Amino acid sequence: MKKTLLTLTTAVVLGLSSMYAYAADPIVIKFSHVVAPDTPKGKAADKFKALAEEKTKGAVKVEVYPNSTLYKDKEEMEALQMGAVQMLAPSLAKFGPLGVKEFEVFDLPYIFRGYDDLHKVTQGEVGASLLAKLEPKGVKGLAYWDNGFKVMSAGKPLKAPEDYKGLKMRIQSSKVLEAQMRALGANPQVMPFSETYQALQTGVVDGTENPPSNLFTQKMHEVQKNATVTNHGYLGYAVIANKDFWEKLPEDVRKGLDEAMKESTDFANQIAKEENDKALEAVKASGKTEIYTPTEDETKAMQKALAPVHTEMAERIGKDVIDSVYSATGFDPSK
């Protein structure tokens, strides 16, 4: 009898000990992304990790997995929905295949005049309403992180809409970007980012569009004689979490993570702008690519040539979504 009681007491003590040990264990957040750690997104993810662990006083442990070490580009969204990872930061173009085509509004040419216009949307009611559209998919939208505004590049000067006629221009998969290139008389070529340098080098494609940081870090400037600072389009990311996981977090933990996300977003956007500015100067300094800044009249000519894309894509994206962006920024590129 004594032996039985001792065994029972030991079991209870061990059980309680195990329970308290479990309660003391940090909540693990796996944050997967597909770029290198030294990119703006990579640096921002690491910043979020440090801030999250600090602000939750160790209640959370963030494990960052860069360079597709857990999941590739096409796999990560499903992994998030299944709960295999808790956080991602995919490009905004990735939400079309998820069935949330409204995010393609960010691909529309000349919809933003610059960062001030952009942040009125991403940090305002319009941006929040778009993130809310992800929730029925089991996805919680947390923030937008900038990459930057794009420049056009090719093996010839690109000053006017007619200069693009017949060029094979590499784009990421996007119906809006396809329409954009066709409006200029170019032939859009969808191909993976990782294959673009070789395609430019061998003449499979003639040109492409990228923020300067991508153009420089991928060495595309070495195989593109000309680049024009059109700033015609935006490339950015949405930081997202598994909705069920996020909403079941203790309130104090979620508060700390919200604070960490706000600070890391400010950091991400500052880093992106700085690195694009530095990259453009580095491309100029290389002497391999001639950089051209359009005049005001040349910019207006490009806006006029590309304005029909907004009308063409209204049914796909939603005219109300496009109009809400115009209203937030006070800018309609067709006028």
Protein backbone atom coordinates (compact mmCIF):
# COMPACT_ATOMS: atom_id res chain seq x y z
CA MET A 1 0.00 0.00 0.00
CA LYS A 2 2.81 2.39 0.94
CA LYS A 3 4.55 1.58 -2.33
CA THR A 4 1.37 2.34 -4.27
CA LEU A 5 0.90 5.68 -2.48
CA LEU A 6 4.54 6.58 -3.05
CA THR A 7 4.24 5.74 -6.73
CA LEU A 8 1.06 7.81 -7.00
CA THR A 9 2.61 10.77 -5.16
CA THR A 10 5.69 10.60 -7.36
CA ALA A 11 3.52 10.54 -10.47
CA VAL A 12 1.57 13.58 -9.31
CA VAL A 13 4.76 15.50 -8.51
CA LEU A 14 6.29 14.58 -11.84
CA GLY A 15 3.09 15.53 -13.61
CA LEU A 16 2.94 18.94 -11.92
CA SER A 17 6.63 19.47 -12.58
CA SER A 18 6.10 18.63 -16.23
CA MET A 19 3.10 20.97 -16.44
CA TYR A 20 5.03 23.91 -14.98
CA ALA A 21 7.98 23.20 -17.25
CA TYR A 22 5.63 23.20 -20.24
CA ALA A 23 4.00 26.46 -19.13
CA ALA A 24 7.44 28.06 -18.85
CA ASP A 25 8.43 27.00 -22.36
CA PRO A 26 8.36 29.87 -24.87
CA ILE A 27 5.79 29.97 -27.65
CA VAL A 28 7.65 29.16 -30.87
CA ILE A 29 6.89 31.19 -34.00
CA LYS A 30 8.40 29.84 -37.21
CA PHE A 31 8.88 32.76 -39.61
CA SER A 32 9.70 31.50 -43.10
CA HIS A 33 10.77 33.64 -46.06
CA VAL A 34 12.39 33.08 -49.44
CA VAL A 35 15.11 35.76 -49.63
CA ALA A 36 18.60 36.15 -48.22
CA PRO A 37 19.17 37.42 -44.66
CA ASP A 38 21.01 40.54 -45.93
CA THR A 39 18.05 41.83 -47.99
CA PRO A 40 15.64 44.45 -46.58
CA LYS A 41 13.04 41.76 -45.89
CA GLY A 42 15.63 39.45 -44.35
CA LYS A 43 16.92 42.20 -42.07
CA ALA A 44 13.38 43.18 -41.08
CA ALA A 45 12.52 39.58 -40.17
CA ASP A 46 15.58 39.39 -37.93
CA LYS A 47 14.65 42.75 -36.38
CA PHE A 48 11.15 41.45 -35.64
CA LYS A 49 12.65 38.35 -33.97
CA ALA A 50 14.80 40.47 -31.64
CA LEU A 51 11.98 42.88 -30.78
CA ALA A 52 9.37 40.14 -30.30
CA GLU A 53 11.55 38.20 -27.88
CA GLU A 54 12.44 41.38 -25.98
CA LYS A 55 8.90 42.79 -25.73
CA THR A 56 7.34 39.49 -24.65
CA LYS A 57 10.14 39.00 -22.10
CA GLY A 58 11.05 35.66 -23.58
CA ALA A 59 7.50 34.30 -23.71
CA VAL A 60 7.96 33.99 -27.46
CA LYS A 61 10.83 32.52 -29.44
CA VAL A 62 10.91 33.48 -33.14
CA GLU A 63 12.75 31.09 -35.45
CA VAL A 64 13.55 32.79 -38.77
CA TYR A 65 14.09 30.51 -41.77
CA PRO A 66 15.47 32.51 -44.75
CA ASN A 67 16.33 31.46 -48.30
CA SER A 68 13.46 28.94 -48.65
CA THR A 69 15.15 26.65 -46.12
CA LEU A 70 11.71 25.41 -44.98
CA TYR A 71 9.40 26.06 -47.93
CA LYS A 72 9.78 27.36 -51.46
CA ASP A 73 7.84 30.29 -52.89
CA LYS A 74 4.91 28.20 -54.12
CA GLU A 75 4.70 26.03 -50.99
CA GLU A 76 4.83 28.53 -48.15
CA MET A 77 1.24 29.84 -48.30
CA GLU A 78 -0.22 26.35 -47.95
CA ALA A 79 2.23 25.64 -45.14
CA LEU A 80 0.97 28.72 -43.28
CA GLN A 81 -2.68 27.79 -43.75
CA MET A 82 -1.95 24.29 -42.44
CA GLY A 83 -0.09 25.69 -39.43
CA ALA A 84 3.28 24.19 -40.37
CA VAL A 85 4.70 27.73 -40.07
CA GLN A 86 3.20 30.65 -38.18
CA MET A 87 4.46 33.69 -40.14
CA LEU A 88 5.42 34.66 -43.70
CA ALA A 89 6.16 37.85 -45.66
CA PRO A 90 5.21 37.08 -49.29
CA SER A 91 5.12 39.65 -52.08
CA LEU A 92 1.70 41.22 -52.61
CA ALA A 93 1.38 39.51 -56.00
CA LYS A 94 1.11 36.15 -54.18
CA PHE A 95 -2.44 36.81 -52.97
CA GLY A 96 -4.06 36.64 -56.42
CA PRO A 97 -3.63 32.84 -56.60
CA LEU A 98 -5.09 32.69 -53.07
CA GLY A 99 -8.26 34.20 -54.49
CA VAL A 100 -7.77 37.71 -53.10
CA LYS A 101 -7.22 39.60 -56.36
CA GLU A 102 -7.77 42.98 -54.73
CA PHE A 103 -4.09 43.03 -53.75
CA GLU A 104 -3.19 43.35 -57.44
CA VAL A 105 -4.11 47.03 -57.07
CA PHE A 106 -0.51 47.47 -55.87
CA ASP A 107 0.74 46.31 -59.31
CA LEU A 108 -1.10 49.06 -61.21
CA PRO A 109 1.33 51.41 -62.97
CA TYR A 110 1.66 54.94 -61.58
CA ILE A 111 -1.03 54.44 -58.96
CA PHE A 112 1.37 55.96 -56.39
CA ARG A 113 3.43 59.11 -56.89
CA GLY A 114 5.86 58.03 -54.18
CA TYR A 115 6.21 56.74 -50.62
CA ASP A 116 3.87 59.36 -49.15
CA ASP A 117 1.00 58.18 -51.37
CA LEU A 118 1.89 54.55 -50.76
CA HIS A 119 1.91 54.83 -46.98
CA LYS A 120 -1.45 56.63 -46.96
CA VAL A 121 -2.75 53.31 -48.31
CA THR A 122 -0.60 50.69 -46.56
CA GLN A 123 -0.79 52.43 -43.19
CA GLY A 124 -4.40 53.58 -43.53
CA GLU A 125 -7.93 52.24 -43.78
CA VAL A 126 -7.57 50.92 -47.34
CA GLY A 127 -4.55 48.80 -46.43
CA ALA A 128 -6.29 47.46 -43.33
CA SER A 129 -9.43 46.56 -45.29
CA LEU A 130 -7.34 44.62 -47.80
CA LEU A 131 -5.57 42.67 -45.06
CA ALA A 132 -8.99 41.83 -43.56
CA LYS A 133 -9.94 40.10 -46.84
CA LEU A 134 -7.32 37.43 -46.05
CA GLU A 135 -9.09 36.25 -42.89
CA PRO A 136 -11.63 33.92 -44.58
CA LYS A 137 -8.55 32.12 -45.98
CA GLY A 138 -7.24 31.47 -42.47
CA VAL A 139 -4.64 34.23 -42.81
CA LYS A 140 -4.12 37.18 -40.45
CA GLY A 141 -2.60 40.25 -42.11
CA LEU A 142 -0.24 42.12 -39.78
CA ALA A 143 1.64 44.77 -41.78
CA TYR A 144 3.08 45.88 -45.10
CA TRP A 145 6.83 45.97 -45.66
CA ASP A 146 8.29 47.97 -48.55
CA ASN A 147 10.74 46.73 -51.13
CA GLY A 148 10.60 49.83 -53.32
CA PHE A 149 9.63 51.50 -56.56
CA LYS A 150 10.71 49.96 -59.84
CA VAL A 151 12.94 51.15 -62.65
CA MET A 152 12.74 49.90 -66.24
CA SER A 153 15.89 48.46 -67.82
CA ALA A 154 16.90 47.18 -71.25
CA GLY A 155 19.74 47.12 -73.76
CA LYS A 156 18.56 50.44 -75.26
CA PRO A 157 17.40 53.82 -73.91
CA LEU A 158 13.82 53.86 -72.63
CA LYS A 159 12.53 57.42 -72.68
CA ALA A 160 9.12 57.22 -74.37
CA PRO A 161 6.33 54.61 -74.56
CA GLU A 162 7.25 53.76 -78.16
CA ASP A 163 10.76 52.72 -77.03
CA TYR A 164 9.26 49.58 -75.45
CA LYS A 165 7.61 48.36 -78.64
CA GLY A 166 8.59 44.77 -79.46
CA LEU A 167 10.85 44.32 -76.42
CA LYS A 168 10.64 41.05 -74.50
CA MET A 169 10.25 42.25 -70.89
CA ARG A 170 10.58 39.88 -67.96
CA ILE A 171 7.88 40.22 -65.28
CA GLN A 172 6.76 38.26 -62.24
CA SER A 173 3.49 36.44 -62.62
CA SER A 174 0.75 39.09 -62.60
CA LYS A 175 -2.14 39.78 -64.96
CA VAL A 176 -1.74 43.48 -64.20
CA LEU A 177 1.95 43.48 -65.17
CA GLU A 178 1.15 41.57 -68.34
CA ALA A 179 -1.40 44.25 -69.26
CA GLN A 180 1.13 46.96 -68.38
CA MET A 181 3.76 45.66 -70.78
CA ARG A 182 1.24 45.07 -73.57
CA ALA A 183 0.00 48.65 -73.20
CA LEU A 184 3.56 49.75 -74.02
CA GLY A 185 3.72 47.43 -77.03
CA ALA A 186 6.19 45.11 -75.26
CA ASN A 187 5.94 41.32 -74.97
CA PRO A 188 5.64 40.28 -71.29
CA GLN A 189 7.69 37.23 -70.34
CA VAL A 190 6.83 35.57 -67.03
CA MET A 191 9.83 33.80 -65.52
CA PRO A 192 11.29 33.06 -62.07
CA PHE A 193 13.37 35.84 -60.53
CA SER A 194 16.32 33.47 -60.15
CA GLU A 195 16.47 32.88 -63.92
CA THR A 196 16.32 36.54 -64.96
CA TYR A 197 20.05 37.36 -65.01
CA GLN A 198 20.87 34.52 -67.39
CA ALA A 199 17.87 35.33 -69.57
CA LEU A 200 19.04 38.94 -69.89
CA GLN A 201 22.62 37.84 -70.51
CA THR A 202 21.68 35.44 -73.31
CA GLY A 203 19.03 37.65 -74.91
CA VAL A 204 16.09 35.39 -74.04
CA VAL A 205 14.57 38.62 -72.71
CA ASP A 206 15.54 42.19 -73.56
CA GLY A 207 14.71 43.95 -70.33
CA THR A 208 12.91 43.91 -67.01
CA GLU A 209 11.55 46.02 -64.14
CA ASN A 210 12.92 45.98 -60.62
CA PRO A 211 13.61 48.14 -57.59
CA PRO A 212 17.27 49.29 -57.82
CA SER A 213 18.27 47.01 -54.92
CA ASN A 214 17.18 43.94 -56.90
CA LEU A 215 18.81 45.23 -60.09
CA PHE A 216 22.12 45.72 -58.30
CA THR A 217 22.27 42.75 -55.89
CA GLN A 218 21.33 40.32 -58.67
CA LYS A 219 23.96 41.97 -60.94
CA MET A 220 21.38 42.59 -63.66
CA HIS A 221 23.01 45.97 -64.28
CA GLU A 222 25.98 44.08 -65.70
CA VAL A 223 23.79 42.81 -68.56
CA GLN A 224 21.56 45.88 -69.04
CA LYS A 225 23.06 48.90 -70.79
CA ASN A 226 20.25 51.28 -69.86
CA ALA A 227 17.92 51.89 -66.93
CA THR A 228 15.27 54.57 -66.56
CA VAL A 229 14.13 55.74 -63.13
CA THR A 230 10.46 55.53 -64.00
CA ASN A 231 9.28 54.68 -60.45
CA HIS A 232 6.19 53.44 -62.29
CA GLY A 233 5.34 50.53 -60.04
CA TYR A 234 5.70 49.29 -56.49
CA LEU A 235 7.03 46.03 -55.10
CA GLY A 236 6.21 45.17 -51.50
CA TYR A 237 5.28 42.46 -49.03
CA ALA A 238 2.53 41.68 -46.53
CA VAL A 239 3.56 40.17 -43.21
CA ILE A 240 1.00 37.52 -42.38
CA ALA A 241 0.31 34.91 -39.70
CA ASN A 242 -1.80 31.80 -39.32
CA LYS A 243 -5.09 33.31 -38.12
CA ASP A 244 -6.04 30.55 -35.68
CA PHE A 245 -2.58 30.58 -34.08
CA TRP A 246 -2.49 34.38 -33.79
CA GLU A 247 -5.92 34.75 -32.24
CA LYS A 248 -5.27 32.06 -29.62
CA LEU A 249 -2.18 33.82 -28.29
CA PRO A 250 -2.48 35.29 -24.76
CA GLU A 251 -3.54 38.94 -24.95
CA ASP A 252 -0.35 40.27 -23.32
CA VAL A 253 1.80 38.24 -25.73
CA ARG A 254 -0.12 39.51 -28.73
CA LYS A 255 0.25 43.08 -27.47
CA GLY A 256 4.03 42.65 -27.32
CA LEU A 257 4.09 41.15 -30.81
CA ASP A 258 1.97 44.02 -32.17
CA GLU A 259 4.49 46.51 -30.76
CA ALA A 260 7.37 44.53 -32.25
CA MET A 261 5.63 44.43 -35.63
CA LYS A 262 5.07 48.20 -35.65
CA GLU A 263 8.72 48.93 -34.86
CA SER A 264 10.08 46.35 -37.31
CA THR A 265 7.78 47.76 -40.02
CA ASP A 266 9.23 51.24 -39.51
CA PHE A 267 12.69 49.68 -39.69
CA ALA A 268 11.84 47.65 -42.81
CA ASN A 269 10.53 50.64 -44.73
CA GLN A 270 13.50 52.83 -43.80
CA ILE A 271 15.99 50.13 -44.78
CA ALA A 272 14.24 49.50 -48.12
CA LYS A 273 14.39 53.15 -49.17
CA GLU A 274 18.00 53.58 -48.04
CA GLU A 275 19.16 50.43 -49.82
CA ASN A 276 17.40 51.36 -53.06
CA ASP A 277 19.02 54.80 -53.00
CA LYS A 278 22.43 53.26 -52.35
CA ALA A 279 21.91 50.61 -55.03
CA LEU A 280 21.03 53.21 -57.67
CA GLU A 281 24.22 55.11 -56.86
CA ALA A 282 26.21 51.87 -57.01
CA VAL A 283 24.76 51.05 -60.45
CA LYS A 284 25.75 54.54 -61.65
CA ALA A 285 29.25 54.16 -60.17
CA SER A 286 29.74 50.79 -61.90
CA GLY A 287 29.72 52.49 -65.31
CA LYS A 288 28.01 49.43 -66.79
CA THR A 289 24.51 50.92 -67.01
CA GLU A 290 23.50 54.39 -68.11
CA ILE A 291 20.88 55.75 -65.70
CA TYR A 292 18.27 58.11 -67.12
CA THR A 293 15.80 60.20 -65.11
CA PRO A 294 12.72 61.13 -67.14
CA THR A 295 11.51 64.70 -67.50
CA GLU A 296 8.08 65.67 -66.19
CA ASP A 297 6.66 65.57 -69.74
CA GLU A 298 8.14 62.12 -70.35
CA THR A 299 6.60 60.84 -67.11
CA LYS A 300 3.21 62.25 -68.12
CA ALA A 301 3.50 60.49 -71.51
CA MET A 302 4.15 57.17 -69.75
CA GLN A 303 1.24 57.75 -67.37
CA LYS A 304 -1.05 58.47 -70.30
CA ALA A 305 0.07 55.33 -72.14
CA LEU A 306 -0.49 53.16 -69.06
CA ALA A 307 -3.70 54.71 -67.70
CA PRO A 308 -5.88 52.27 -69.74
CA VAL A 309 -4.45 49.42 -67.63
CA HIS A 310 -6.39 50.75 -64.63
CA THR A 311 -9.65 50.59 -66.59
CA GLU A 312 -8.82 47.20 -68.09
CA MET A 313 -8.07 45.66 -64.67
CA ALA A 314 -11.02 47.27 -62.83
CA GLU A 315 -13.25 44.23 -63.23
CA ARG A 316 -10.54 41.86 -62.02
CA ILE A 317 -9.34 43.92 -59.03
CA GLY A 318 -12.58 45.76 -58.27
CA LYS A 319 -13.29 49.32 -59.35
CA ASP A 320 -14.23 50.17 -55.75
CA VAL A 321 -10.77 49.09 -54.56
CA ILE A 322 -9.01 51.18 -57.21
CA ASP A 323 -11.22 54.18 -56.43
CA SER A 324 -10.51 53.80 -52.70
CA VAL A 325 -6.77 54.11 -53.44
CA TYR A 326 -7.38 57.21 -55.60
CA SER A 327 -9.41 58.70 -52.75
CA ALA A 328 -6.77 57.92 -50.11
CA THR A 329 -3.92 59.44 -52.14
CA GLY A 330 -5.86 62.24 -53.85
CA PHE A 331 -4.34 61.13 -57.15
CA ASP A 332 -5.89 59.66 -60.30
CA PRO A 333 -3.17 58.97 -62.93
CA SER A 334 -5.69 59.09 -65.76
CA LYS A 335 -6.38 62.80 -65.12
